[in-house]
Structure formats: C-alpha cells, structure tokens
N, C-alpha and C. Protein backbone atom coordinates (compact mmCIF):
# COMPACT_ATOMS: atom_id res chain seq x y z
N MET A 1 49.99 128.25 -55.31
CA MET A 1 50.20 128.14 -53.87
C MET A 1 49.47 129.24 -53.12
N SER A 2 49.46 130.41 -53.69
CA SER A 2 48.80 131.52 -53.01
C SER A 2 47.30 131.31 -52.93
N LEU A 3 46.73 130.47 -53.80
CA LEU A 3 45.31 130.20 -53.77
C LEU A 3 44.96 129.14 -52.74
N LEU A 4 45.93 128.28 -52.39
CA LEU A 4 45.64 127.21 -51.45
C LEU A 4 45.67 127.69 -50.01
N LEU A 5 46.49 128.66 -49.68
CA LEU A 5 46.67 129.11 -48.30
C LEU A 5 45.36 129.60 -47.68
N PRO A 6 44.61 130.50 -48.36
CA PRO A 6 43.35 130.94 -47.75
C PRO A 6 42.40 129.78 -47.51
N LEU A 7 42.39 128.78 -48.41
CA LEU A 7 41.51 127.64 -48.24
C LEU A 7 41.90 126.82 -47.02
N VAL A 8 43.22 126.63 -46.82
CA VAL A 8 43.70 125.89 -45.66
C VAL A 8 43.32 126.62 -44.38
N LEU A 9 43.51 127.95 -44.36
CA LEU A 9 43.15 128.73 -43.17
C LEU A 9 41.66 128.64 -42.88
N LEU A 10 40.85 128.66 -43.92
CA LEU A 10 39.40 128.59 -43.75
C LEU A 10 39.00 127.27 -43.15
N LEU A 11 39.61 126.18 -43.63
CA LEU A 11 39.28 124.86 -43.10
C LEU A 11 39.74 124.72 -41.65
N THR A 12 40.91 125.30 -41.35
CA THR A 12 41.43 125.23 -39.98
C THR A 12 40.52 125.97 -39.01
N GLN A 13 40.08 127.16 -39.43
CA GLN A 13 39.18 127.94 -38.56
C GLN A 13 37.86 127.23 -38.35
N ALA A 14 37.34 126.59 -39.40
CA ALA A 14 36.08 125.88 -39.28
C ALA A 14 36.21 124.70 -38.32
N ALA A 15 37.39 124.05 -38.34
CA ALA A 15 37.58 122.88 -37.48
C ALA A 15 37.71 123.27 -36.02
N THR A 16 38.30 124.48 -35.77
CA THR A 16 38.54 124.89 -34.39
C THR A 16 37.45 125.77 -33.82
N ALA A 17 36.49 126.19 -34.65
CA ALA A 17 35.42 127.05 -34.15
C ALA A 17 34.54 126.28 -33.17
N PRO A 18 34.15 126.91 -32.07
CA PRO A 18 33.31 126.21 -31.09
C PRO A 18 31.96 125.84 -31.70
N ALA A 19 31.50 124.64 -31.36
CA ALA A 19 30.21 124.18 -31.88
C ALA A 19 29.09 124.96 -31.22
N GLN A 20 28.12 125.36 -32.01
CA GLN A 20 26.98 126.10 -31.48
C GLN A 20 25.93 125.11 -30.99
N THR A 21 25.57 125.23 -29.73
CA THR A 21 24.57 124.34 -29.15
C THR A 21 23.18 124.93 -29.33
N ALA A 22 22.22 124.05 -29.47
CA ALA A 22 20.84 124.50 -29.62
C ALA A 22 20.37 125.09 -28.30
N PRO A 23 19.56 126.15 -28.34
CA PRO A 23 19.07 126.74 -27.09
C PRO A 23 18.25 125.74 -26.29
N ALA A 24 18.43 125.79 -24.96
CA ALA A 24 17.70 124.87 -24.08
C ALA A 24 16.21 125.20 -24.11
N PRO A 25 15.38 124.17 -24.09
CA PRO A 25 13.94 124.44 -24.09
C PRO A 25 13.52 125.15 -22.81
N GLU A 26 12.56 126.03 -22.92
CA GLU A 26 12.08 126.77 -21.76
C GLU A 26 11.36 125.82 -20.79
N ALA A 27 11.61 126.06 -19.50
CA ALA A 27 10.97 125.23 -18.49
C ALA A 27 9.47 125.50 -18.46
N THR A 28 8.71 124.46 -18.19
CA THR A 28 7.27 124.62 -18.09
C THR A 28 6.95 125.42 -16.83
N PRO A 29 6.28 126.56 -16.95
CA PRO A 29 6.00 127.35 -15.76
C PRO A 29 5.06 126.61 -14.81
N LYS A 30 5.37 126.68 -13.50
CA LYS A 30 4.51 126.00 -12.54
C LYS A 30 3.25 126.83 -12.32
N PRO A 31 2.14 126.17 -11.99
CA PRO A 31 0.88 126.89 -11.80
C PRO A 31 0.99 127.88 -10.64
N LEU A 32 0.46 129.06 -10.84
CA LEU A 32 0.44 130.06 -9.77
C LEU A 32 -0.86 129.94 -8.99
N PRO A 33 -0.80 130.14 -7.66
CA PRO A 33 -2.03 130.06 -6.87
C PRO A 33 -3.05 131.09 -7.34
N ASN A 34 -4.30 130.66 -7.51
CA ASN A 34 -5.34 131.58 -7.96
C ASN A 34 -6.41 131.77 -6.90
N GLY A 35 -6.19 131.19 -5.72
CA GLY A 35 -7.19 131.29 -4.67
C GLY A 35 -6.84 132.34 -3.63
N PRO A 36 -7.42 132.21 -2.46
CA PRO A 36 -7.17 133.21 -1.40
C PRO A 36 -5.72 133.24 -0.96
N LEU A 37 -5.32 134.36 -0.40
CA LEU A 37 -4.02 134.48 0.26
C LEU A 37 -4.23 134.35 1.76
N VAL A 38 -3.28 133.69 2.41
CA VAL A 38 -3.38 133.46 3.85
C VAL A 38 -2.05 133.83 4.49
N VAL A 39 -2.12 134.47 5.65
CA VAL A 39 -0.92 134.84 6.40
C VAL A 39 -0.84 133.99 7.67
N ILE A 40 0.31 133.35 7.85
CA ILE A 40 0.58 132.58 9.07
C ILE A 40 1.58 133.37 9.89
N ASP A 41 1.13 133.92 11.01
CA ASP A 41 2.03 134.65 11.91
C ASP A 41 2.60 133.67 12.91
N THR A 42 3.94 133.55 12.93
CA THR A 42 4.60 132.61 13.82
C THR A 42 5.55 133.35 14.76
N SER A 43 6.08 132.62 15.72
CA SER A 43 7.05 133.23 16.64
C SER A 43 8.39 133.49 15.96
N PHE A 44 8.54 133.03 14.71
CA PHE A 44 9.75 133.28 13.94
C PHE A 44 9.54 134.32 12.85
N GLY A 45 8.31 134.75 12.66
CA GLY A 45 8.03 135.72 11.61
C GLY A 45 6.78 135.34 10.84
N ARG A 46 6.57 136.03 9.74
CA ARG A 46 5.34 135.88 8.95
C ARG A 46 5.58 135.07 7.68
N ILE A 47 4.63 134.18 7.39
CA ILE A 47 4.64 133.38 6.16
C ILE A 47 3.35 133.66 5.41
N LYS A 48 3.46 134.06 4.17
CA LYS A 48 2.26 134.30 3.34
C LYS A 48 2.17 133.20 2.29
N ILE A 49 1.01 132.59 2.20
CA ILE A 49 0.83 131.52 1.23
C ILE A 49 -0.35 131.82 0.31
N GLY A 50 -0.23 131.37 -0.92
CA GLY A 50 -1.33 131.45 -1.87
C GLY A 50 -1.93 130.06 -2.03
N LEU A 51 -3.25 129.99 -2.15
CA LEU A 51 -3.94 128.70 -2.20
C LEU A 51 -4.43 128.39 -3.62
N HIS A 52 -4.33 127.11 -3.99
CA HIS A 52 -4.75 126.66 -5.32
C HIS A 52 -6.22 126.23 -5.28
N LYS A 53 -7.10 127.21 -5.30
CA LYS A 53 -8.54 126.93 -5.23
C LYS A 53 -9.00 126.09 -6.41
N ASP A 54 -8.39 126.29 -7.58
CA ASP A 54 -8.82 125.55 -8.77
C ASP A 54 -8.32 124.12 -8.77
N LYS A 55 -7.16 123.87 -8.17
CA LYS A 55 -6.56 122.53 -8.18
C LYS A 55 -6.98 121.67 -7.00
N ALA A 56 -7.25 122.29 -5.86
CA ALA A 56 -7.58 121.53 -4.65
C ALA A 56 -8.71 122.23 -3.89
N PRO A 57 -9.91 122.29 -4.49
CA PRO A 57 -11.00 123.06 -3.88
C PRO A 57 -11.42 122.56 -2.51
N LEU A 58 -11.45 121.24 -2.31
CA LEU A 58 -11.86 120.70 -1.00
C LEU A 58 -10.84 121.05 0.07
N SER A 59 -9.56 120.89 -0.25
CA SER A 59 -8.50 121.16 0.72
C SER A 59 -8.41 122.64 1.06
N VAL A 60 -8.56 123.50 0.05
CA VAL A 60 -8.51 124.94 0.29
C VAL A 60 -9.71 125.36 1.15
N ASP A 61 -10.89 124.89 0.82
CA ASP A 61 -12.08 125.23 1.60
C ASP A 61 -11.93 124.74 3.04
N ASN A 62 -11.39 123.56 3.21
CA ASN A 62 -11.16 122.99 4.54
C ASN A 62 -10.20 123.85 5.35
N PHE A 63 -9.08 124.24 4.74
CA PHE A 63 -8.07 125.04 5.42
C PHE A 63 -8.63 126.41 5.80
N ILE A 64 -9.36 127.03 4.89
CA ILE A 64 -9.94 128.34 5.16
C ILE A 64 -10.95 128.27 6.32
N LYS A 65 -11.74 127.22 6.37
CA LYS A 65 -12.71 127.08 7.46
C LYS A 65 -12.01 126.98 8.80
N TYR A 66 -10.94 126.20 8.87
CA TYR A 66 -10.18 126.11 10.12
C TYR A 66 -9.56 127.45 10.48
N ALA A 67 -9.05 128.16 9.49
CA ALA A 67 -8.43 129.46 9.76
C ALA A 67 -9.46 130.45 10.29
N ARG A 68 -10.63 130.49 9.64
CA ARG A 68 -11.68 131.43 10.07
C ARG A 68 -12.20 131.10 11.46
N ALA A 69 -12.18 129.84 11.82
CA ALA A 69 -12.66 129.43 13.15
C ALA A 69 -11.61 129.65 14.23
N GLY A 70 -10.39 130.08 13.84
CA GLY A 70 -9.33 130.30 14.82
C GLY A 70 -8.69 129.02 15.31
N HIS A 71 -8.91 127.93 14.59
CA HIS A 71 -8.39 126.63 15.03
C HIS A 71 -6.87 126.63 15.16
N TYR A 72 -6.18 127.31 14.24
CA TYR A 72 -4.72 127.26 14.23
C TYR A 72 -4.08 128.20 15.24
N ASP A 73 -4.82 129.17 15.73
CA ASP A 73 -4.26 130.17 16.64
C ASP A 73 -3.80 129.51 17.94
N GLY A 74 -2.53 129.68 18.26
CA GLY A 74 -2.00 129.11 19.50
C GLY A 74 -1.50 127.68 19.35
N THR A 75 -1.51 127.13 18.13
CA THR A 75 -0.92 125.81 17.92
C THR A 75 0.57 125.97 17.60
N ILE A 76 1.22 124.89 17.28
CA ILE A 76 2.66 124.93 17.05
C ILE A 76 3.02 124.13 15.79
N PHE A 77 4.24 124.36 15.31
CA PHE A 77 4.85 123.44 14.36
C PHE A 77 5.49 122.35 15.22
N HIS A 78 4.82 121.21 15.30
CA HIS A 78 5.22 120.18 16.26
C HIS A 78 6.16 119.13 15.67
N ARG A 79 6.33 119.14 14.35
CA ARG A 79 7.21 118.16 13.71
C ARG A 79 8.09 118.89 12.70
N VAL A 80 9.39 118.89 12.93
CA VAL A 80 10.33 119.65 12.11
C VAL A 80 11.49 118.73 11.71
N ILE A 81 11.66 118.54 10.41
CA ILE A 81 12.72 117.68 9.91
C ILE A 81 13.52 118.47 8.87
N PRO A 82 14.78 118.80 9.16
CA PRO A 82 15.59 119.58 8.21
C PRO A 82 15.67 118.89 6.85
N LYS A 83 15.69 119.70 5.81
CA LYS A 83 15.78 119.23 4.43
C LYS A 83 14.60 118.35 4.03
N PHE A 84 13.51 118.46 4.78
CA PHE A 84 12.31 117.68 4.45
C PHE A 84 11.07 118.56 4.54
N MET A 85 10.59 118.83 5.77
CA MET A 85 9.37 119.63 5.91
C MET A 85 9.18 120.08 7.35
N ILE A 86 8.24 121.05 7.53
CA ILE A 86 7.79 121.44 8.86
C ILE A 86 6.28 121.23 8.90
N GLN A 87 5.79 120.64 9.99
CA GLN A 87 4.37 120.26 10.08
C GLN A 87 3.74 120.88 11.32
N GLY A 88 2.51 121.36 11.17
CA GLY A 88 1.83 121.97 12.31
C GLY A 88 0.33 122.01 12.14
N GLY A 89 -0.29 122.74 13.09
CA GLY A 89 -1.73 122.95 13.00
C GLY A 89 -2.59 122.01 13.82
N GLY A 90 -1.96 121.19 14.68
CA GLY A 90 -2.76 120.23 15.42
C GLY A 90 -2.60 120.26 16.92
N TYR A 91 -1.40 120.65 17.40
CA TYR A 91 -1.11 120.57 18.83
C TYR A 91 -0.77 121.93 19.42
N GLU A 92 -1.00 122.03 20.73
CA GLU A 92 -0.60 123.21 21.49
C GLU A 92 0.80 122.94 22.06
N PRO A 93 1.46 123.98 22.62
CA PRO A 93 2.85 123.82 23.08
C PRO A 93 3.07 122.67 24.06
N GLU A 94 2.06 122.33 24.85
CA GLU A 94 2.24 121.25 25.84
C GLU A 94 2.27 119.87 25.20
N MET A 95 1.91 119.78 23.91
CA MET A 95 1.89 118.51 23.19
C MET A 95 0.99 117.49 23.88
N GLY A 96 -0.19 117.96 24.33
CA GLY A 96 -1.16 117.04 24.91
C GLY A 96 -2.00 116.41 23.82
N GLU A 97 -3.30 116.43 24.00
CA GLU A 97 -4.21 115.89 23.00
C GLU A 97 -4.28 116.83 21.79
N GLU A 98 -4.46 116.23 20.62
CA GLU A 98 -4.64 117.03 19.41
C GLU A 98 -5.96 117.80 19.50
N ARG A 99 -5.97 119.01 19.00
CA ARG A 99 -7.18 119.80 19.01
C ARG A 99 -8.29 119.09 18.22
N PRO A 100 -9.54 119.22 18.68
CA PRO A 100 -10.65 118.58 17.98
C PRO A 100 -10.75 119.09 16.54
N THR A 101 -11.14 118.21 15.64
CA THR A 101 -11.24 118.56 14.22
C THR A 101 -12.60 118.16 13.67
N ARG A 102 -12.87 118.66 12.47
CA ARG A 102 -14.05 118.22 11.74
C ARG A 102 -13.75 116.89 11.04
N PRO A 103 -14.73 116.29 10.40
CA PRO A 103 -14.47 115.03 9.69
C PRO A 103 -13.40 115.19 8.63
N PRO A 104 -12.66 114.12 8.33
CA PRO A 104 -11.59 114.20 7.32
C PRO A 104 -12.15 114.45 5.93
N ILE A 105 -11.25 114.87 5.03
CA ILE A 105 -11.64 115.22 3.67
C ILE A 105 -11.03 114.25 2.67
N LYS A 106 -11.54 114.29 1.46
CA LYS A 106 -11.05 113.44 0.39
C LYS A 106 -9.66 113.91 -0.06
N ASN A 107 -8.81 112.96 -0.34
CA ASN A 107 -7.46 113.26 -0.82
C ASN A 107 -7.51 113.78 -2.26
N GLU A 108 -6.94 114.98 -2.48
CA GLU A 108 -6.93 115.58 -3.82
C GLU A 108 -5.52 115.60 -4.41
N ALA A 109 -4.67 114.64 -4.02
CA ALA A 109 -3.28 114.64 -4.48
C ALA A 109 -3.16 114.45 -5.98
N LYS A 110 -4.19 113.90 -6.61
CA LYS A 110 -4.14 113.67 -8.06
C LYS A 110 -4.58 114.93 -8.79
N ASN A 111 -3.90 116.04 -8.51
CA ASN A 111 -4.30 117.33 -9.08
C ASN A 111 -3.21 117.98 -9.94
N GLY A 112 -2.13 117.27 -10.14
CA GLY A 112 -1.06 117.80 -10.99
C GLY A 112 -0.05 118.66 -10.27
N LEU A 113 -0.27 118.94 -8.99
CA LEU A 113 0.67 119.76 -8.22
C LEU A 113 1.67 118.85 -7.51
N SER A 114 2.93 119.28 -7.48
CA SER A 114 4.00 118.45 -6.95
C SER A 114 4.51 119.00 -5.62
N ASN A 115 4.97 118.09 -4.77
CA ASN A 115 5.51 118.47 -3.46
C ASN A 115 6.93 119.02 -3.60
N ARG A 116 7.02 120.19 -4.18
CA ARG A 116 8.31 120.85 -4.35
C ARG A 116 8.56 121.84 -3.21
N ARG A 117 9.77 122.28 -3.10
CA ARG A 117 10.15 123.22 -2.04
C ARG A 117 9.21 124.43 -2.05
N GLY A 118 8.71 124.78 -0.88
CA GLY A 118 7.84 125.93 -0.74
C GLY A 118 6.36 125.64 -0.89
N THR A 119 6.00 124.41 -1.27
CA THR A 119 4.58 124.09 -1.39
C THR A 119 4.01 123.69 -0.04
N VAL A 120 2.70 123.84 0.08
CA VAL A 120 1.98 123.52 1.32
C VAL A 120 1.05 122.36 1.02
N ALA A 121 1.07 121.34 1.86
CA ALA A 121 0.29 120.13 1.61
C ALA A 121 -0.43 119.68 2.87
N MET A 122 -1.45 118.86 2.67
CA MET A 122 -2.21 118.31 3.78
C MET A 122 -1.47 117.12 4.40
N ALA A 123 -1.37 117.12 5.73
CA ALA A 123 -0.83 115.97 6.45
C ALA A 123 -1.96 114.97 6.67
N ARG A 124 -1.59 113.71 6.79
CA ARG A 124 -2.59 112.66 6.98
C ARG A 124 -1.95 111.43 7.61
N THR A 125 -2.77 110.43 7.95
CA THR A 125 -2.27 109.15 8.43
C THR A 125 -2.05 108.24 7.22
N ASN A 126 -1.90 106.95 7.46
CA ASN A 126 -1.74 106.01 6.35
C ASN A 126 -3.01 105.88 5.52
N ASP A 127 -4.13 106.30 6.07
CA ASP A 127 -5.38 106.32 5.31
C ASP A 127 -5.33 107.52 4.37
N PRO A 128 -5.41 107.30 3.05
CA PRO A 128 -5.30 108.42 2.10
C PRO A 128 -6.32 109.52 2.32
N ASN A 129 -7.49 109.18 2.83
CA ASN A 129 -8.56 110.16 3.01
C ASN A 129 -8.76 110.52 4.48
N SER A 130 -7.67 110.77 5.18
CA SER A 130 -7.74 111.05 6.62
C SER A 130 -7.32 112.46 7.01
N ALA A 131 -7.02 113.32 6.02
CA ALA A 131 -6.55 114.67 6.35
C ALA A 131 -7.64 115.49 7.03
N THR A 132 -7.25 116.23 8.07
CA THR A 132 -8.20 117.12 8.76
C THR A 132 -7.62 118.53 8.80
N ALA A 133 -6.92 118.89 9.87
CA ALA A 133 -6.44 120.27 10.01
C ALA A 133 -4.94 120.41 9.81
N GLN A 134 -4.18 119.37 10.10
CA GLN A 134 -2.72 119.51 10.03
C GLN A 134 -2.22 119.66 8.59
N PHE A 135 -1.17 120.45 8.45
CA PHE A 135 -0.58 120.73 7.15
C PHE A 135 0.94 120.73 7.30
N PHE A 136 1.64 120.68 6.18
CA PHE A 136 3.10 120.80 6.23
C PHE A 136 3.60 121.63 5.07
N ILE A 137 4.77 122.23 5.26
CA ILE A 137 5.42 123.04 4.24
C ILE A 137 6.70 122.33 3.85
N ASN A 138 6.84 122.03 2.58
CA ASN A 138 8.05 121.35 2.08
C ASN A 138 9.23 122.31 2.07
N VAL A 139 10.35 121.89 2.65
CA VAL A 139 11.56 122.71 2.61
C VAL A 139 12.56 122.16 1.60
N ALA A 140 12.17 121.14 0.87
CA ALA A 140 12.97 120.56 -0.21
C ALA A 140 12.01 119.98 -1.24
N ASP A 141 12.53 119.60 -2.38
CA ASP A 141 11.70 118.91 -3.38
C ASP A 141 11.47 117.48 -2.90
N ASN A 142 10.24 117.19 -2.49
CA ASN A 142 9.89 115.88 -1.96
C ASN A 142 8.95 115.16 -2.93
N LEU A 143 9.45 114.89 -4.12
CA LEU A 143 8.60 114.32 -5.16
C LEU A 143 8.10 112.93 -4.81
N ARG A 144 8.76 112.26 -3.88
CA ARG A 144 8.29 110.93 -3.48
C ARG A 144 6.95 110.99 -2.76
N LEU A 145 6.52 112.19 -2.38
CA LEU A 145 5.22 112.35 -1.73
C LEU A 145 4.09 112.57 -2.73
N ASP A 146 4.43 112.65 -4.01
CA ASP A 146 3.42 112.93 -5.03
C ASP A 146 2.54 111.71 -5.30
N TYR A 147 1.39 111.99 -5.86
CA TYR A 147 0.48 110.93 -6.27
C TYR A 147 1.16 110.02 -7.30
N GLY A 148 0.99 108.71 -7.12
CA GLY A 148 1.55 107.77 -8.07
C GLY A 148 2.95 107.32 -7.73
N ILE A 149 3.69 108.14 -6.97
CA ILE A 149 5.04 107.76 -6.56
C ILE A 149 5.00 107.10 -5.18
N SER A 150 4.21 107.71 -4.30
CA SER A 150 4.01 107.11 -2.97
C SER A 150 2.56 106.67 -2.82
N GLY A 151 2.04 106.03 -3.85
CA GLY A 151 0.65 105.58 -3.79
C GLY A 151 -0.30 106.74 -3.95
N ALA A 152 -1.16 106.96 -2.95
CA ALA A 152 -2.19 108.00 -3.03
C ALA A 152 -1.60 109.40 -2.97
N GLY A 153 -0.41 109.54 -2.42
CA GLY A 153 0.24 110.84 -2.38
C GLY A 153 -0.31 111.79 -1.32
N TYR A 154 0.33 112.95 -1.23
CA TYR A 154 -0.06 113.99 -0.27
C TYR A 154 -0.46 115.24 -1.06
N CYS A 155 -1.65 115.73 -0.78
CA CYS A 155 -2.24 116.79 -1.60
C CYS A 155 -1.60 118.16 -1.36
N VAL A 156 -1.00 118.71 -2.41
CA VAL A 156 -0.52 120.09 -2.39
C VAL A 156 -1.70 121.01 -2.67
N PHE A 157 -1.89 122.01 -1.80
CA PHE A 157 -3.01 122.93 -1.99
C PHE A 157 -2.61 124.39 -1.92
N GLY A 158 -1.32 124.66 -1.68
CA GLY A 158 -0.88 126.04 -1.58
C GLY A 158 0.61 126.15 -1.79
N GLU A 159 1.09 127.39 -1.73
CA GLU A 159 2.50 127.65 -1.97
C GLU A 159 2.93 128.92 -1.23
N VAL A 160 4.11 128.87 -0.64
CA VAL A 160 4.65 130.04 0.05
C VAL A 160 5.03 131.09 -1.00
N ILE A 161 4.50 132.30 -0.86
CA ILE A 161 4.85 133.37 -1.79
C ILE A 161 5.69 134.45 -1.10
N GLU A 162 5.68 134.47 0.22
CA GLU A 162 6.57 135.34 1.00
C GLU A 162 6.89 134.63 2.31
N GLY A 163 8.14 134.77 2.75
CA GLY A 163 8.52 134.24 4.05
C GLY A 163 9.16 132.87 4.03
N MET A 164 9.71 132.47 2.89
CA MET A 164 10.40 131.18 2.86
C MET A 164 11.63 131.20 3.76
N ASP A 165 12.18 132.39 3.99
CA ASP A 165 13.30 132.49 4.93
C ASP A 165 12.86 132.13 6.34
N VAL A 166 11.61 132.45 6.68
CA VAL A 166 11.07 132.08 7.99
C VAL A 166 10.92 130.57 8.08
N VAL A 167 10.42 129.96 7.01
CA VAL A 167 10.28 128.51 6.97
C VAL A 167 11.63 127.83 7.18
N ASP A 168 12.66 128.35 6.52
CA ASP A 168 14.00 127.76 6.65
C ASP A 168 14.55 127.91 8.07
N LYS A 169 14.25 129.02 8.71
CA LYS A 169 14.69 129.20 10.11
C LYS A 169 14.02 128.18 11.02
N ILE A 170 12.73 127.96 10.79
CA ILE A 170 12.01 126.98 11.61
C ILE A 170 12.58 125.58 11.36
N ALA A 171 12.89 125.28 10.11
CA ALA A 171 13.41 123.95 9.77
C ALA A 171 14.77 123.68 10.39
N ALA A 172 15.46 124.72 10.85
CA ALA A 172 16.81 124.56 11.38
C ALA A 172 16.86 124.48 12.91
N VAL A 173 15.70 124.51 13.59
CA VAL A 173 15.72 124.51 15.05
C VAL A 173 16.11 123.13 15.59
N SER A 174 16.58 123.12 16.82
CA SER A 174 16.93 121.86 17.48
C SER A 174 15.66 121.13 17.89
N THR A 175 15.67 119.81 17.74
CA THR A 175 14.47 119.02 18.05
C THR A 175 14.79 117.94 19.07
N THR A 176 13.72 117.36 19.60
CA THR A 176 13.84 116.31 20.60
C THR A 176 12.66 115.36 20.46
N THR A 177 12.55 114.43 21.38
CA THR A 177 11.41 113.50 21.42
C THR A 177 10.59 113.80 22.66
N LYS A 178 9.29 113.92 22.47
CA LYS A 178 8.37 114.14 23.59
C LYS A 178 7.30 113.06 23.56
N GLY A 179 7.39 112.15 24.52
CA GLY A 179 6.46 111.03 24.53
C GLY A 179 6.68 110.16 23.31
N LEU A 180 5.62 109.97 22.53
CA LEU A 180 5.70 109.17 21.32
C LEU A 180 6.03 110.01 20.09
N ASN A 181 6.18 111.30 20.28
CA ASN A 181 6.40 112.22 19.15
C ASN A 181 7.88 112.54 18.97
N LYS A 182 8.38 112.27 17.78
CA LYS A 182 9.76 112.60 17.44
C LYS A 182 9.82 113.92 16.68
N ASP A 183 11.03 114.47 16.57
CA ASP A 183 11.29 115.68 15.78
C ASP A 183 10.49 116.88 16.27
N VAL A 184 10.29 116.96 17.58
CA VAL A 184 9.56 118.08 18.19
C VAL A 184 10.57 119.17 18.56
N PRO A 185 10.34 120.43 18.12
CA PRO A 185 11.27 121.51 18.50
C PRO A 185 11.44 121.59 20.02
N GLU A 186 12.69 121.75 20.46
CA GLU A 186 12.96 121.87 21.89
C GLU A 186 12.27 123.09 22.47
N THR A 187 12.29 124.19 21.73
CA THR A 187 11.54 125.39 22.10
C THR A 187 10.37 125.50 21.15
N PRO A 188 9.14 125.56 21.67
CA PRO A 188 7.97 125.56 20.79
C PRO A 188 8.01 126.67 19.73
N VAL A 189 7.68 126.29 18.50
CA VAL A 189 7.55 127.25 17.41
C VAL A 189 6.07 127.55 17.27
N LEU A 190 5.67 128.70 17.75
CA LEU A 190 4.25 129.02 17.88
C LEU A 190 3.64 129.53 16.58
N ILE A 191 2.45 129.03 16.28
CA ILE A 191 1.60 129.61 15.23
C ILE A 191 0.66 130.57 15.96
N LYS A 192 0.96 131.84 15.91
CA LYS A 192 0.19 132.81 16.66
C LYS A 192 -1.23 132.95 16.13
N ARG A 193 -1.34 133.05 14.81
CA ARG A 193 -2.65 133.16 14.18
C ARG A 193 -2.52 132.91 12.69
N VAL A 194 -3.62 132.47 12.10
CA VAL A 194 -3.71 132.26 10.66
C VAL A 194 -4.95 132.99 10.17
N ARG A 195 -4.77 133.89 9.20
CA ARG A 195 -5.88 134.70 8.71
C ARG A 195 -5.79 134.87 7.21
N GLU A 196 -6.93 135.03 6.57
CA GLU A 196 -6.95 135.39 5.16
C GLU A 196 -6.36 136.78 5.00
N TYR A 197 -5.63 136.96 3.93
CA TYR A 197 -4.99 138.24 3.66
C TYR A 197 -5.76 138.96 2.57
N VAL A 198 -6.21 140.15 2.88
CA VAL A 198 -6.95 140.97 1.92
C VAL A 198 -6.10 142.21 1.65
N PRO A 199 -5.51 142.32 0.46
CA PRO A 199 -4.68 143.50 0.14
C PRO A 199 -5.50 144.78 0.27
N ARG A 200 -4.85 145.80 0.76
CA ARG A 200 -5.52 147.09 0.87
C ARG A 200 -5.75 147.69 -0.51
N ALA A 201 -6.93 148.21 -0.69
CA ALA A 201 -7.25 148.82 -1.99
C ALA A 201 -6.46 150.12 -2.14
N ALA A 202 -6.02 150.38 -3.34
CA ALA A 202 -5.30 151.63 -3.60
C ALA A 202 -6.23 152.81 -3.40
N PRO A 203 -5.72 153.90 -2.81
CA PRO A 203 -6.58 155.06 -2.59
C PRO A 203 -7.11 155.61 -3.92
N VAL A 204 -8.37 155.99 -3.90
CA VAL A 204 -9.00 156.53 -5.09
C VAL A 204 -8.62 158.00 -5.24
N ALA A 205 -8.11 158.34 -6.38
CA ALA A 205 -7.70 159.74 -6.62
C ALA A 205 -8.94 160.64 -6.71
N LYS A 206 -8.83 161.79 -6.09
CA LYS A 206 -9.93 162.75 -6.15
C LYS A 206 -10.01 163.36 -7.55
N PRO A 207 -11.22 163.52 -8.04
CA PRO A 207 -11.35 164.11 -9.39
C PRO A 207 -10.85 165.56 -9.38
N ALA A 208 -10.26 165.95 -10.47
CA ALA A 208 -9.77 167.32 -10.58
C ALA A 208 -10.94 168.30 -10.59
N PRO A 209 -10.77 169.44 -9.96
CA PRO A 209 -11.87 170.43 -9.96
C PRO A 209 -12.14 170.91 -11.37
N PRO A 210 -13.38 171.25 -11.65
CA PRO A 210 -13.71 171.72 -13.01
C PRO A 210 -12.97 173.01 -13.34
N ALA A 211 -12.62 173.12 -14.58
CA ALA A 211 -11.93 174.34 -15.04
C ALA A 211 -12.87 175.54 -14.91
N PRO A 212 -12.34 176.66 -14.48
CA PRO A 212 -13.21 177.86 -14.36
C PRO A 212 -13.77 178.27 -15.72
N THR A 213 -15.02 178.65 -15.68
CA THR A 213 -15.66 179.12 -16.93
C THR A 213 -15.25 180.56 -17.20
N PRO A 214 -15.05 180.89 -18.45
CA PRO A 214 -14.64 182.27 -18.77
C PRO A 214 -15.76 183.25 -18.50
C-alpha cells in the first residue's frame, strides 16, 4: 500500500497540472519607411511621416515634388471621418476650386503595403490612375482599401512616425456639409506647410590637443 500512494499522487498531479501551450509565432514585422522624412505642420500640431521610396517610388516622388513647390502650404484637411481617415492637400479654407495639379500618376497599390492605422495613402477618384496631390491618413485599419480587396486599391506610400495624437485630434473634430462636400470640418484644419525633414547632424567633437613633448 505504501508503494501505491506515491504513484496515485503522481498521476493526480499530472492530471491537474496546467497544459503548456506552444509559444505564439512572432508577428511579421511591417516594412519601415526607407525614404525621405516629411513634416506636416498643421493648426493642431506637427505630424512627421516616413516615405516608402522603395515600395512606391512614383507616389513618393510625386508627393515630394508637391511639397517642394509649396503646393500643400495653406491647404486644409477638407474631409474628416472618425474611425476611418483624414484627407487633405487639395483645397483652401474657403472650399472653392481645387488647387491646380500636375498630371495624375500610376496607381502603385500593388506594392505589399496595407492601409493600416497610421499609414499615408494617395487619394483618387474611381479611376485607379487618377491620383494627383490629395492624400489621406488612415486612423483605423482600413484593409478594404487594399489592392485586390477593393479592386485596384489605394496606394500606401508613407507612415506616421510621430504625431499620431495630432491625427486623432483632427479625426475627432465636428464636421458639416459645404456645397457638395460632406464631412468638412466646421472649423478649418489648416495645413500650414509641408517640408522635407533633414535631421541635424551631430556636432563634430574637436580633436584632443597633442600631448606635450618631454
């Protein structure tokens, strides 16, 4: 009898021990922007975005050209939909005619980048290859905008790396209808300027003076 008791206890402990689960597989890291950095100064604060030059070269080049030309300065985020996106880069606060643009560019949505929260994508009409200057920032995971899910899809070309809190504040403003345009902020959300961001170089340390000779 004394030999059976330890065996019974061992079996009982084995039956009640919590099952060990296999470790969860690591998530696939999302691509990091390898192109230029751009700062969008708005009336709500600053948004810094990194551009995917390798994934969307045409869209990045197009956006940079508009930024360098000052096209975005003084425009607004004219379309704001909570839990969806904020769109801008085409209209001034009066919501008159859209600012003149260059010819549209080819849609690069088939680049493996997804319309997830914080990504920046090209706005367009129903024509897949109609994007010009307008862009939008996703404030939620909008995978239905990806290539293959919504047909040609909407090209992601950048990602917010600082200032997502600013984006969320803009997405929460009250909106109205102005003419034929819906979801227009009641108080204009101004894009003051858009510029490439060049980090300041670290100061070069002065060489130490030569040791005195004996």
